[in-house]
N, C-alpha and C. Protein backbone atom coordinates (compact mmCIF):
# COMPACT_ATOMS: atom_id res chain seq x y z
N UNK A 1 -42.80 -9.63 11.48
CA UNK A 1 -42.24 -10.63 10.56
C UNK A 1 -40.82 -11.00 10.94
N UNK A 2 -40.00 -9.97 11.23
CA UNK A 2 -38.62 -10.25 11.60
C UNK A 2 -38.54 -11.10 12.86
N UNK A 3 -39.38 -10.81 13.86
CA UNK A 3 -39.31 -11.55 15.10
C UNK A 3 -39.66 -13.02 14.87
N UNK A 4 -40.62 -13.29 13.98
CA UNK A 4 -40.99 -14.67 13.68
C UNK A 4 -39.85 -15.40 12.98
N UNK A 5 -39.18 -14.71 12.03
CA UNK A 5 -38.04 -15.31 11.35
C UNK A 5 -36.90 -15.56 12.32
N UNK A 6 -36.68 -14.65 13.24
CA UNK A 6 -35.64 -14.86 14.25
C UNK A 6 -35.97 -16.07 15.12
N UNK A 7 -37.25 -16.27 15.41
CA UNK A 7 -37.66 -17.45 16.18
C UNK A 7 -37.32 -18.72 15.41
N UNK A 8 -37.60 -18.72 14.11
CA UNK A 8 -37.28 -19.90 13.30
C UNK A 8 -35.79 -20.15 13.25
N UNK A 9 -35.00 -19.07 13.15
CA UNK A 9 -33.56 -19.22 13.14
C UNK A 9 -33.07 -19.83 14.44
N UNK A 10 -33.57 -19.33 15.57
CA UNK A 10 -33.16 -19.87 16.86
C UNK A 10 -33.55 -21.33 16.99
N UNK A 11 -34.72 -21.69 16.50
CA UNK A 11 -35.18 -23.08 16.59
C UNK A 11 -34.31 -24.00 15.75
N UNK A 12 -33.64 -23.47 14.74
CA UNK A 12 -32.83 -24.31 13.87
C UNK A 12 -31.41 -24.48 14.38
N UNK A 13 -31.08 -23.85 15.53
CA UNK A 13 -29.72 -23.97 16.07
C UNK A 13 -29.39 -25.42 16.39
N UNK A 14 -28.14 -25.80 16.10
CA UNK A 14 -27.64 -27.08 16.58
C UNK A 14 -26.48 -26.88 17.53
N UNK A 15 -25.96 -25.66 17.57
CA UNK A 15 -24.90 -25.33 18.51
C UNK A 15 -25.16 -23.93 19.03
N UNK A 16 -24.71 -23.67 20.23
CA UNK A 16 -24.92 -22.37 20.85
C UNK A 16 -24.24 -21.28 20.04
N UNK A 17 -24.96 -20.19 19.82
CA UNK A 17 -24.45 -19.00 19.14
C UNK A 17 -24.13 -19.22 17.68
N UNK A 18 -24.72 -20.23 17.03
CA UNK A 18 -24.54 -20.41 15.60
C UNK A 18 -25.92 -20.28 14.97
N UNK A 19 -26.04 -19.36 14.01
CA UNK A 19 -27.35 -19.04 13.47
C UNK A 19 -27.35 -19.26 11.96
N UNK A 20 -28.39 -19.95 11.46
CA UNK A 20 -28.50 -20.19 10.05
C UNK A 20 -29.95 -20.50 9.72
N UNK A 21 -30.24 -20.65 8.46
CA UNK A 21 -31.63 -20.72 8.05
C UNK A 21 -32.29 -22.07 8.27
N UNK A 22 -31.64 -23.13 7.92
CA UNK A 22 -32.26 -24.43 7.95
C UNK A 22 -31.36 -25.44 8.64
N UNK A 23 -31.99 -26.44 9.22
CA UNK A 23 -31.21 -27.56 9.75
C UNK A 23 -30.64 -28.32 8.55
N UNK A 24 -29.34 -28.43 8.50
CA UNK A 24 -28.71 -29.03 7.33
C UNK A 24 -28.30 -30.47 7.63
N UNK A 25 -28.26 -31.31 6.60
CA UNK A 25 -27.84 -32.69 6.82
C UNK A 25 -26.38 -32.76 7.19
N UNK A 26 -25.96 -33.81 7.89
CA UNK A 26 -24.55 -33.95 8.25
C UNK A 26 -23.66 -33.91 7.01
N UNK A 27 -22.55 -33.26 7.14
CA UNK A 27 -21.62 -33.15 6.03
C UNK A 27 -20.32 -33.86 6.37
N UNK A 28 -19.65 -34.30 5.33
CA UNK A 28 -18.35 -34.92 5.54
C UNK A 28 -17.35 -33.89 6.04
N UNK A 29 -16.45 -34.31 6.92
CA UNK A 29 -15.41 -33.37 7.36
C UNK A 29 -14.62 -32.84 6.17
N UNK A 30 -14.32 -31.55 6.20
CA UNK A 30 -13.57 -30.95 5.11
C UNK A 30 -12.16 -30.63 5.60
N UNK A 31 -11.23 -30.69 4.68
CA UNK A 31 -9.85 -30.38 5.01
C UNK A 31 -9.67 -28.87 4.97
N UNK A 32 -9.38 -28.29 6.10
CA UNK A 32 -9.26 -26.85 6.18
C UNK A 32 -7.87 -26.40 5.74
N UNK A 33 -7.86 -25.33 4.97
CA UNK A 33 -6.60 -24.78 4.50
C UNK A 33 -5.91 -24.04 5.64
N UNK A 34 -4.67 -24.37 5.90
CA UNK A 34 -3.92 -23.70 6.96
C UNK A 34 -3.21 -22.47 6.40
N UNK A 35 -2.60 -21.71 7.29
CA UNK A 35 -1.89 -20.52 6.84
C UNK A 35 -0.67 -20.30 7.72
N UNK A 36 0.32 -19.64 7.13
CA UNK A 36 1.55 -19.32 7.86
C UNK A 36 1.28 -18.18 8.83
N UNK A 37 1.76 -18.32 10.06
CA UNK A 37 1.57 -17.29 11.07
C UNK A 37 2.87 -16.52 11.27
N UNK A 38 2.77 -15.20 11.22
CA UNK A 38 3.89 -14.32 11.54
C UNK A 38 3.71 -13.88 12.99
N UNK A 39 4.68 -14.14 13.83
CA UNK A 39 4.51 -13.94 15.27
C UNK A 39 5.15 -12.65 15.79
N UNK A 40 5.79 -11.88 14.92
CA UNK A 40 6.37 -10.60 15.34
C UNK A 40 5.89 -9.50 14.39
N UNK A 41 5.74 -8.26 14.90
CA UNK A 41 5.20 -7.17 14.08
C UNK A 41 6.25 -6.51 13.20
N UNK A 42 6.83 -7.27 12.31
CA UNK A 42 7.92 -6.75 11.48
C UNK A 42 7.48 -6.34 10.08
N UNK A 43 6.29 -6.73 9.67
CA UNK A 43 5.83 -6.40 8.32
C UNK A 43 5.54 -4.90 8.20
N UNK A 44 6.02 -4.30 7.13
CA UNK A 44 5.76 -2.88 6.88
C UNK A 44 4.88 -2.66 5.67
N UNK A 45 4.60 -3.74 4.95
CA UNK A 45 3.61 -3.73 3.86
C UNK A 45 2.66 -4.88 4.12
N UNK A 46 1.36 -4.60 4.12
CA UNK A 46 0.39 -5.61 4.55
C UNK A 46 -1.03 -5.13 4.24
N UNK A 47 -2.00 -6.01 4.47
CA UNK A 47 -3.41 -5.65 4.40
C UNK A 47 -4.06 -6.01 5.73
N UNK A 48 -4.66 -5.02 6.37
CA UNK A 48 -5.44 -5.24 7.58
C UNK A 48 -6.89 -5.42 7.16
N UNK A 49 -7.54 -6.50 7.64
CA UNK A 49 -8.92 -6.71 7.21
C UNK A 49 -9.79 -7.17 8.37
N UNK A 50 -11.09 -7.00 8.17
CA UNK A 50 -12.08 -7.44 9.15
C UNK A 50 -13.32 -7.90 8.41
N UNK A 51 -13.99 -8.90 8.97
CA UNK A 51 -15.23 -9.42 8.38
C UNK A 51 -16.37 -9.30 9.37
N UNK A 52 -17.55 -9.04 8.86
CA UNK A 52 -18.78 -9.20 9.62
C UNK A 52 -19.54 -10.37 9.01
N UNK A 53 -20.20 -11.16 9.85
CA UNK A 53 -20.80 -12.41 9.39
C UNK A 53 -22.18 -12.61 10.01
N UNK A 54 -22.91 -13.59 9.50
CA UNK A 54 -24.25 -13.89 10.02
C UNK A 54 -24.20 -14.73 11.28
N UNK A 55 -23.03 -15.19 11.69
CA UNK A 55 -22.89 -16.03 12.88
C UNK A 55 -21.44 -16.41 13.07
N UNK A 56 -21.21 -17.42 13.89
CA UNK A 56 -19.85 -17.78 14.31
C UNK A 56 -19.26 -18.98 13.58
N UNK A 57 -20.06 -19.71 12.83
CA UNK A 57 -19.62 -20.96 12.21
C UNK A 57 -19.30 -20.72 10.74
N UNK A 58 -18.02 -20.82 10.39
CA UNK A 58 -17.59 -20.53 9.02
C UNK A 58 -18.12 -21.53 8.01
N UNK A 59 -18.50 -22.72 8.47
CA UNK A 59 -19.01 -23.73 7.54
C UNK A 59 -20.49 -23.53 7.24
N UNK A 60 -21.18 -22.78 8.09
CA UNK A 60 -22.63 -22.62 7.95
C UNK A 60 -23.02 -21.17 7.71
N UNK A 61 -22.46 -20.27 8.48
CA UNK A 61 -22.78 -18.85 8.36
C UNK A 61 -22.02 -18.21 7.21
N UNK A 62 -22.37 -16.98 6.89
CA UNK A 62 -21.83 -16.33 5.70
C UNK A 62 -21.34 -14.91 6.01
N UNK A 63 -20.45 -14.42 5.16
CA UNK A 63 -19.88 -13.08 5.29
C UNK A 63 -20.90 -12.05 4.79
N UNK A 64 -21.08 -10.98 5.55
CA UNK A 64 -21.96 -9.90 5.12
C UNK A 64 -21.22 -8.58 4.87
N UNK A 65 -19.96 -8.50 5.29
CA UNK A 65 -19.19 -7.28 5.02
C UNK A 65 -17.70 -7.58 5.10
N UNK A 66 -16.95 -6.99 4.18
CA UNK A 66 -15.49 -7.02 4.21
C UNK A 66 -14.98 -5.59 4.22
N UNK A 67 -14.07 -5.30 5.15
CA UNK A 67 -13.39 -4.01 5.17
C UNK A 67 -11.90 -4.24 5.28
N UNK A 68 -11.11 -3.50 4.53
CA UNK A 68 -9.66 -3.74 4.53
C UNK A 68 -8.90 -2.45 4.23
N UNK A 69 -7.69 -2.40 4.77
CA UNK A 69 -6.77 -1.28 4.58
C UNK A 69 -5.46 -1.83 4.03
N UNK A 70 -5.02 -1.32 2.90
CA UNK A 70 -3.73 -1.75 2.34
C UNK A 70 -2.65 -0.75 2.74
N UNK A 71 -1.54 -1.27 3.28
CA UNK A 71 -0.42 -0.45 3.71
C UNK A 71 0.84 -0.91 2.97
N UNK A 72 1.50 0.01 2.32
CA UNK A 72 2.76 -0.27 1.63
C UNK A 72 3.84 0.64 2.20
N UNK A 73 4.88 0.04 2.71
CA UNK A 73 5.98 0.80 3.34
C UNK A 73 5.44 1.78 4.39
N UNK A 74 4.52 1.26 5.21
CA UNK A 74 3.95 1.99 6.35
C UNK A 74 2.99 3.11 5.97
N UNK A 75 2.63 3.23 4.70
CA UNK A 75 1.67 4.24 4.27
C UNK A 75 0.42 3.56 3.71
N UNK A 76 -0.76 4.08 4.09
CA UNK A 76 -2.00 3.55 3.54
C UNK A 76 -2.10 3.93 2.06
N UNK A 77 -2.27 2.91 1.21
CA UNK A 77 -2.31 3.15 -0.24
C UNK A 77 -3.64 2.73 -0.86
N UNK A 78 -4.50 2.05 -0.10
CA UNK A 78 -5.77 1.63 -0.69
C UNK A 78 -6.71 1.10 0.37
N UNK A 79 -7.99 1.06 0.02
CA UNK A 79 -9.01 0.53 0.92
C UNK A 79 -9.96 -0.38 0.14
N UNK A 80 -10.61 -1.26 0.89
CA UNK A 80 -11.61 -2.17 0.32
C UNK A 80 -12.76 -2.21 1.31
N UNK A 81 -13.96 -1.91 0.85
CA UNK A 81 -15.09 -1.83 1.78
C UNK A 81 -16.37 -2.14 1.03
N UNK A 82 -17.02 -3.25 1.37
CA UNK A 82 -18.25 -3.61 0.68
C UNK A 82 -19.15 -4.47 1.55
N UNK A 83 -20.46 -4.26 1.41
CA UNK A 83 -21.44 -5.17 1.96
C UNK A 83 -21.63 -6.33 0.99
N UNK A 84 -22.08 -7.46 1.52
CA UNK A 84 -22.23 -8.68 0.72
C UNK A 84 -23.59 -9.30 1.02
N UNK A 85 -24.28 -9.72 -0.02
CA UNK A 85 -25.53 -10.46 0.19
C UNK A 85 -25.18 -11.88 0.61
N UNK A 86 -25.49 -12.26 1.85
CA UNK A 86 -25.09 -13.60 2.32
C UNK A 86 -25.99 -14.71 1.80
N UNK A 87 -27.08 -14.31 1.16
CA UNK A 87 -28.07 -15.28 0.65
C UNK A 87 -28.60 -16.16 1.77
N UNK A 88 -28.64 -15.60 2.97
CA UNK A 88 -29.30 -16.20 4.12
C UNK A 88 -29.70 -15.08 5.06
N UNK A 89 -30.58 -15.39 5.97
CA UNK A 89 -31.16 -14.39 6.87
C UNK A 89 -30.15 -13.94 7.93
N UNK A 90 -30.10 -12.63 8.18
CA UNK A 90 -29.25 -12.09 9.25
C UNK A 90 -30.07 -12.05 10.53
N UNK A 91 -29.72 -12.82 11.56
CA UNK A 91 -30.51 -12.86 12.79
C UNK A 91 -30.51 -11.51 13.52
N UNK A 92 -31.49 -11.35 14.37
CA UNK A 92 -31.68 -10.08 15.07
C UNK A 92 -30.47 -9.71 15.93
N UNK A 93 -29.89 -10.70 16.63
CA UNK A 93 -28.76 -10.37 17.50
C UNK A 93 -27.56 -9.87 16.70
N UNK A 94 -27.39 -10.40 15.50
CA UNK A 94 -26.30 -9.93 14.63
C UNK A 94 -26.62 -8.54 14.12
N UNK A 95 -27.85 -8.30 13.71
CA UNK A 95 -28.24 -6.98 13.22
C UNK A 95 -28.00 -5.91 14.28
N UNK A 96 -28.34 -6.23 15.53
CA UNK A 96 -28.15 -5.27 16.61
C UNK A 96 -26.67 -5.00 16.88
N UNK A 97 -25.85 -6.03 16.72
CA UNK A 97 -24.43 -5.88 17.00
C UNK A 97 -23.70 -5.10 15.92
N UNK A 98 -23.94 -5.45 14.66
CA UNK A 98 -23.15 -4.88 13.56
C UNK A 98 -23.88 -3.77 12.81
N UNK A 99 -25.17 -3.59 13.10
CA UNK A 99 -25.97 -2.54 12.45
C UNK A 99 -26.02 -2.73 10.94
N UNK A 100 -26.17 -3.99 10.53
CA UNK A 100 -26.37 -4.33 9.13
C UNK A 100 -27.68 -5.11 9.04
N UNK A 101 -28.61 -4.62 8.26
CA UNK A 101 -29.92 -5.24 8.17
C UNK A 101 -30.04 -6.08 6.90
N UNK A 102 -31.08 -6.90 6.86
CA UNK A 102 -31.32 -7.69 5.66
C UNK A 102 -31.61 -6.81 4.45
N UNK A 103 -32.30 -5.69 4.67
CA UNK A 103 -32.58 -4.78 3.56
C UNK A 103 -31.30 -4.16 3.01
N UNK A 104 -30.33 -3.90 3.89
CA UNK A 104 -29.08 -3.28 3.46
C UNK A 104 -28.27 -4.15 2.51
N UNK A 105 -28.39 -5.47 2.65
CA UNK A 105 -27.59 -6.37 1.81
C UNK A 105 -28.39 -6.98 0.67
N UNK A 106 -29.68 -6.70 0.60
CA UNK A 106 -30.55 -7.37 -0.38
C UNK A 106 -30.10 -7.17 -1.82
N UNK A 107 -29.60 -5.97 -2.14
CA UNK A 107 -29.21 -5.68 -3.52
C UNK A 107 -27.69 -5.67 -3.71
N UNK A 108 -26.96 -6.20 -2.73
CA UNK A 108 -25.50 -6.22 -2.81
C UNK A 108 -25.01 -7.49 -3.52
N UNK A 109 -23.78 -7.47 -4.04
CA UNK A 109 -23.25 -8.66 -4.72
C UNK A 109 -23.02 -9.80 -3.74
N UNK A 110 -23.09 -11.02 -4.24
CA UNK A 110 -22.82 -12.20 -3.42
C UNK A 110 -21.32 -12.43 -3.32
N UNK A 111 -20.94 -13.36 -2.46
CA UNK A 111 -19.51 -13.60 -2.20
C UNK A 111 -18.77 -14.08 -3.44
N UNK A 112 -19.43 -14.79 -4.34
CA UNK A 112 -18.73 -15.28 -5.53
C UNK A 112 -18.27 -14.15 -6.43
N UNK A 113 -18.92 -12.98 -6.30
CA UNK A 113 -18.49 -11.79 -7.04
C UNK A 113 -17.43 -11.01 -6.27
N UNK A 114 -17.62 -10.90 -4.96
CA UNK A 114 -16.75 -10.05 -4.14
C UNK A 114 -15.40 -10.71 -3.86
N UNK A 115 -15.40 -12.02 -3.59
CA UNK A 115 -14.17 -12.67 -3.14
C UNK A 115 -13.03 -12.56 -4.14
N UNK A 116 -13.24 -12.79 -5.45
CA UNK A 116 -12.12 -12.60 -6.39
C UNK A 116 -11.56 -11.19 -6.37
N UNK A 117 -12.42 -10.20 -6.21
CA UNK A 117 -11.95 -8.81 -6.15
C UNK A 117 -11.12 -8.58 -4.89
N UNK A 118 -11.56 -9.17 -3.76
CA UNK A 118 -10.80 -9.01 -2.53
C UNK A 118 -9.44 -9.71 -2.64
N UNK A 119 -9.41 -10.88 -3.26
CA UNK A 119 -8.14 -11.59 -3.43
C UNK A 119 -7.20 -10.81 -4.33
N UNK A 120 -7.73 -10.14 -5.34
CA UNK A 120 -6.88 -9.27 -6.17
C UNK A 120 -6.35 -8.10 -5.34
N UNK A 121 -7.17 -7.59 -4.44
CA UNK A 121 -6.76 -6.46 -3.60
C UNK A 121 -5.62 -6.85 -2.66
N UNK A 122 -5.71 -8.03 -2.04
CA UNK A 122 -4.68 -8.41 -1.07
C UNK A 122 -3.41 -8.92 -1.73
N UNK A 123 -3.52 -9.45 -2.95
CA UNK A 123 -2.35 -9.99 -3.62
C UNK A 123 -1.66 -11.04 -2.75
N UNK A 124 -0.35 -10.90 -2.60
CA UNK A 124 0.42 -11.82 -1.76
C UNK A 124 0.88 -11.17 -0.47
N UNK A 125 0.32 -10.02 -0.14
CA UNK A 125 0.73 -9.30 1.07
C UNK A 125 0.32 -10.05 2.33
N UNK A 126 1.08 -9.89 3.41
CA UNK A 126 0.64 -10.44 4.70
C UNK A 126 -0.71 -9.86 5.10
N UNK A 127 -1.52 -10.68 5.75
CA UNK A 127 -2.83 -10.24 6.23
C UNK A 127 -2.78 -10.04 7.74
N UNK A 128 -3.42 -8.98 8.21
CA UNK A 128 -3.48 -8.69 9.64
C UNK A 128 -4.94 -8.63 10.06
N UNK A 129 -5.26 -9.29 11.17
CA UNK A 129 -6.62 -9.25 11.71
C UNK A 129 -6.54 -9.37 13.22
N UNK A 130 -7.55 -8.85 13.90
CA UNK A 130 -7.63 -8.99 15.35
C UNK A 130 -8.47 -10.22 15.65
N UNK A 131 -7.86 -11.19 16.33
CA UNK A 131 -8.44 -12.53 16.48
C UNK A 131 -8.51 -13.19 15.11
N UNK A 132 -7.35 -13.32 14.50
CA UNK A 132 -7.23 -13.79 13.12
C UNK A 132 -7.87 -15.15 12.86
N UNK A 133 -7.84 -16.12 13.79
CA UNK A 133 -8.47 -17.41 13.48
C UNK A 133 -9.93 -17.29 13.07
N UNK A 134 -10.67 -16.34 13.64
CA UNK A 134 -12.07 -16.17 13.26
C UNK A 134 -12.17 -15.68 11.82
N UNK A 135 -11.51 -14.56 11.50
CA UNK A 135 -11.62 -13.99 10.16
C UNK A 135 -11.01 -14.90 9.11
N UNK A 136 -9.87 -15.51 9.42
CA UNK A 136 -9.24 -16.41 8.45
C UNK A 136 -10.09 -17.67 8.25
N UNK A 137 -10.77 -18.12 9.30
CA UNK A 137 -11.64 -19.27 9.15
C UNK A 137 -12.72 -19.01 8.12
N UNK A 138 -13.35 -17.84 8.19
CA UNK A 138 -14.37 -17.49 7.21
C UNK A 138 -13.77 -17.25 5.83
N UNK A 139 -12.64 -16.56 5.78
CA UNK A 139 -12.03 -16.27 4.49
C UNK A 139 -11.64 -17.55 3.77
N UNK A 140 -11.00 -18.46 4.48
CA UNK A 140 -10.54 -19.70 3.85
C UNK A 140 -11.70 -20.61 3.49
N UNK A 141 -12.74 -20.64 4.33
CA UNK A 141 -13.91 -21.46 4.01
C UNK A 141 -14.56 -20.99 2.71
N UNK A 142 -14.64 -19.68 2.54
CA UNK A 142 -15.23 -19.15 1.31
C UNK A 142 -14.31 -19.34 0.11
N UNK A 143 -13.01 -19.21 0.33
CA UNK A 143 -12.07 -19.50 -0.76
C UNK A 143 -12.21 -20.94 -1.22
N UNK A 144 -12.36 -21.84 -0.28
CA UNK A 144 -12.50 -23.25 -0.63
C UNK A 144 -13.77 -23.48 -1.46
N UNK A 145 -14.87 -22.84 -1.06
CA UNK A 145 -16.12 -23.01 -1.80
C UNK A 145 -16.01 -22.46 -3.22
N UNK A 146 -15.22 -21.41 -3.40
CA UNK A 146 -15.08 -20.77 -4.71
C UNK A 146 -13.85 -21.27 -5.47
N UNK A 147 -13.21 -22.31 -4.94
CA UNK A 147 -12.02 -22.89 -5.59
C UNK A 147 -10.91 -21.86 -5.78
N UNK A 148 -10.71 -21.05 -4.75
CA UNK A 148 -9.64 -20.05 -4.74
C UNK A 148 -8.63 -20.45 -3.67
N UNK A 149 -7.36 -20.38 -4.01
CA UNK A 149 -6.30 -20.70 -3.05
C UNK A 149 -5.54 -19.42 -2.72
N UNK A 150 -5.41 -19.12 -1.43
CA UNK A 150 -4.56 -18.02 -1.01
C UNK A 150 -3.50 -18.56 -0.05
N UNK A 151 -2.32 -18.00 -0.13
CA UNK A 151 -1.20 -18.45 0.69
C UNK A 151 -0.58 -17.31 1.49
N UNK A 152 -1.34 -16.27 1.75
CA UNK A 152 -0.82 -15.12 2.46
C UNK A 152 -0.48 -15.48 3.91
N UNK A 153 0.68 -15.06 4.40
CA UNK A 153 0.97 -15.21 5.83
C UNK A 153 0.07 -14.28 6.64
N UNK A 154 -0.12 -14.60 7.92
CA UNK A 154 -1.11 -13.90 8.73
C UNK A 154 -0.50 -13.43 10.05
N UNK A 155 -0.86 -12.21 10.44
CA UNK A 155 -0.47 -11.63 11.71
C UNK A 155 -1.73 -11.40 12.54
N UNK A 156 -1.70 -11.83 13.79
CA UNK A 156 -2.85 -11.67 14.68
C UNK A 156 -2.53 -10.62 15.73
N UNK A 157 -3.21 -9.47 15.67
CA UNK A 157 -2.94 -8.41 16.64
C UNK A 157 -3.42 -8.79 18.05
N UNK A 158 -4.35 -9.72 18.16
CA UNK A 158 -4.75 -10.20 19.49
C UNK A 158 -3.57 -10.91 20.14
N UNK A 159 -2.91 -11.79 19.39
CA UNK A 159 -1.72 -12.49 19.90
C UNK A 159 -0.62 -11.48 20.24
N UNK A 160 -0.40 -10.51 19.34
CA UNK A 160 0.66 -9.53 19.58
C UNK A 160 0.35 -8.66 20.79
N UNK A 161 -0.90 -8.31 20.98
CA UNK A 161 -1.27 -7.47 22.12
C UNK A 161 -1.02 -8.20 23.43
N UNK A 162 -1.37 -9.47 23.49
CA UNK A 162 -1.12 -10.24 24.70
C UNK A 162 0.37 -10.34 24.99
N UNK A 163 1.18 -10.28 23.95
CA UNK A 163 2.64 -10.41 24.11
C UNK A 163 3.30 -9.08 24.47
N UNK A 164 2.82 -7.98 23.85
CA UNK A 164 3.53 -6.70 24.00
C UNK A 164 2.74 -5.65 24.79
N UNK A 165 1.47 -5.89 25.06
CA UNK A 165 0.67 -4.94 25.85
C UNK A 165 0.29 -5.58 27.18
N UNK A 166 1.26 -6.04 27.90
CA UNK A 166 0.97 -6.77 29.13
C UNK A 166 0.41 -5.88 30.23
N UNK A 167 0.50 -4.59 30.06
CA UNK A 167 -0.11 -3.69 31.03
C UNK A 167 -1.63 -3.63 30.88
N UNK A 168 -2.14 -4.12 29.76
CA UNK A 168 -3.58 -4.07 29.50
C UNK A 168 -4.30 -5.21 30.21
N UNK A 169 -5.45 -4.89 30.79
CA UNK A 169 -6.24 -5.89 31.49
C UNK A 169 -6.99 -6.80 30.53
N UNK A 170 -7.36 -6.25 29.38
CA UNK A 170 -8.07 -7.02 28.36
C UNK A 170 -7.41 -6.78 27.01
N UNK A 171 -7.78 -7.60 26.04
CA UNK A 171 -7.15 -7.46 24.72
C UNK A 171 -8.17 -7.48 23.60
N UNK A 172 -9.45 -7.30 23.93
CA UNK A 172 -10.42 -7.15 22.85
C UNK A 172 -10.27 -5.77 22.23
N UNK A 173 -10.77 -5.61 21.01
CA UNK A 173 -10.53 -4.38 20.27
C UNK A 173 -11.17 -3.17 20.94
N UNK A 174 -12.34 -3.35 21.53
CA UNK A 174 -13.00 -2.22 22.20
C UNK A 174 -12.15 -1.70 23.35
N UNK A 175 -11.62 -2.60 24.17
CA UNK A 175 -10.79 -2.18 25.29
C UNK A 175 -9.50 -1.52 24.80
N UNK A 176 -8.85 -2.13 23.83
CA UNK A 176 -7.55 -1.62 23.37
C UNK A 176 -7.67 -0.27 22.69
N UNK A 177 -8.73 -0.07 21.92
CA UNK A 177 -8.89 1.23 21.27
C UNK A 177 -9.14 2.32 22.30
N UNK A 178 -9.85 1.98 23.35
CA UNK A 178 -10.08 2.94 24.42
C UNK A 178 -8.78 3.20 25.20
N UNK A 179 -8.05 2.15 25.48
CA UNK A 179 -6.81 2.27 26.27
C UNK A 179 -5.78 3.12 25.53
N UNK A 180 -5.64 2.90 24.23
CA UNK A 180 -4.62 3.62 23.46
C UNK A 180 -5.19 4.86 22.75
N UNK A 181 -6.43 5.21 23.08
CA UNK A 181 -7.07 6.39 22.50
C UNK A 181 -7.07 6.33 20.97
N UNK A 182 -7.43 5.16 20.46
CA UNK A 182 -7.59 4.97 19.01
C UNK A 182 -9.04 5.27 18.65
N UNK A 183 -9.25 6.07 17.64
CA UNK A 183 -10.60 6.43 17.24
C UNK A 183 -11.29 5.21 16.61
N UNK A 184 -12.35 4.73 17.24
CA UNK A 184 -13.12 3.62 16.69
C UNK A 184 -14.59 4.03 16.64
N UNK A 185 -14.94 4.71 15.57
CA UNK A 185 -16.35 5.02 15.35
C UNK A 185 -16.97 3.89 14.54
N UNK A 186 -18.25 3.69 14.71
CA UNK A 186 -18.95 2.61 14.02
C UNK A 186 -18.32 1.25 14.30
N UNK A 187 -18.10 0.96 15.59
CA UNK A 187 -17.54 -0.34 15.96
C UNK A 187 -18.41 -1.47 15.43
N UNK A 188 -17.78 -2.55 15.09
CA UNK A 188 -18.42 -3.74 14.51
C UNK A 188 -18.88 -3.52 13.09
N UNK A 189 -18.37 -2.48 12.45
CA UNK A 189 -18.46 -2.38 11.00
C UNK A 189 -17.06 -2.64 10.47
N UNK A 190 -16.98 -3.45 9.44
CA UNK A 190 -15.71 -4.06 9.06
C UNK A 190 -14.61 -3.04 8.74
N UNK A 191 -14.93 -2.03 7.95
CA UNK A 191 -13.90 -1.07 7.56
C UNK A 191 -13.33 -0.34 8.77
N UNK A 192 -14.21 0.10 9.67
CA UNK A 192 -13.76 0.88 10.82
C UNK A 192 -13.00 0.01 11.83
N UNK A 193 -13.40 -1.25 11.97
CA UNK A 193 -12.63 -2.17 12.81
C UNK A 193 -11.25 -2.43 12.21
N UNK A 194 -11.19 -2.55 10.88
CA UNK A 194 -9.90 -2.76 10.22
C UNK A 194 -9.00 -1.53 10.39
N UNK A 195 -9.58 -0.35 10.28
CA UNK A 195 -8.79 0.87 10.44
C UNK A 195 -8.24 0.98 11.86
N UNK A 196 -9.05 0.64 12.86
CA UNK A 196 -8.59 0.67 14.24
C UNK A 196 -7.52 -0.39 14.48
N UNK A 197 -7.69 -1.56 13.88
CA UNK A 197 -6.69 -2.63 14.01
C UNK A 197 -5.37 -2.20 13.39
N UNK A 198 -5.44 -1.47 12.30
CA UNK A 198 -4.24 -0.95 11.65
C UNK A 198 -3.47 -0.02 12.60
N UNK A 199 -4.19 0.86 13.28
CA UNK A 199 -3.56 1.76 14.24
C UNK A 199 -2.98 0.98 15.42
N UNK A 200 -3.70 -0.03 15.87
CA UNK A 200 -3.21 -0.86 16.97
C UNK A 200 -1.92 -1.57 16.58
N UNK A 201 -1.88 -2.10 15.35
CA UNK A 201 -0.67 -2.78 14.89
C UNK A 201 0.53 -1.83 14.89
N UNK A 202 0.33 -0.60 14.47
CA UNK A 202 1.44 0.36 14.43
C UNK A 202 1.94 0.67 15.84
N UNK A 203 1.03 0.73 16.81
CA UNK A 203 1.44 0.96 18.20
C UNK A 203 2.26 -0.21 18.71
N UNK A 204 1.80 -1.41 18.44
CA UNK A 204 2.54 -2.61 18.86
C UNK A 204 3.90 -2.66 18.15
N UNK A 205 3.90 -2.30 16.90
CA UNK A 205 5.15 -2.32 16.13
C UNK A 205 6.17 -1.36 16.72
N UNK A 206 5.72 -0.18 17.14
CA UNK A 206 6.62 0.79 17.76
C UNK A 206 7.20 0.24 19.06
N UNK A 207 6.37 -0.44 19.84
CA UNK A 207 6.86 -1.06 21.07
C UNK A 207 7.90 -2.12 20.76
N UNK A 208 7.63 -2.92 19.76
CA UNK A 208 8.54 -3.98 19.36
C UNK A 208 9.91 -3.41 18.97
N UNK A 209 9.89 -2.38 18.12
CA UNK A 209 11.15 -1.79 17.69
C UNK A 209 11.90 -1.12 18.84
N UNK A 210 11.16 -0.53 19.77
CA UNK A 210 11.80 0.09 20.94
C UNK A 210 12.47 -0.96 21.82
N UNK A 211 11.86 -2.12 21.96
CA UNK A 211 12.44 -3.20 22.76
C UNK A 211 13.65 -3.82 22.10
N UNK A 212 13.69 -3.75 20.78
CA UNK A 212 14.76 -4.42 20.03
C UNK A 212 15.73 -3.43 19.40
N UNK A 213 15.70 -2.20 19.83
CA UNK A 213 16.58 -1.17 19.29
C UNK A 213 18.02 -1.37 19.78
């Protein structure tokens, strides 16, 4: 049954690597909410977060997991970790990558329930993500659908790594966690990716302060 549904999902593609249930009618262009970018690792209170999704297109695909770490004055003070029912089918390639099945999310709350709770969790703190445009694209698209406005500034550890880890050959999270001996168990699960990103940010921050001491 799953293989047949995956076939239908693939047949409904209109762009490479974008997976969704049905071919949808053309939509009017939407005005995307922008965000302030922080380009130096100076924040000492922040929320590191990561999303897992059903595909790559924030306008069509949906969030299936949010994981986040809250840090206040350089100490972890809270966590946020939940699966989300995307109300659409999770394709096989995504299931294999993130190890989240359709059965796992079937009885979980939908985004309209989870998103207000996540926004309460982050408050007005800066947000940190690895490859932030991807995660922020999904977060802002869902905020727009739920009529929620967030104005949190954003730090991208991918950008920071390219700037301060020039000895590294690559800057994806898998390579960086291995290079800096950061424990990343259950890779591609949102909470554990967020926790590893938090450690990566602290390493970059130490380098930054050493250069500017």
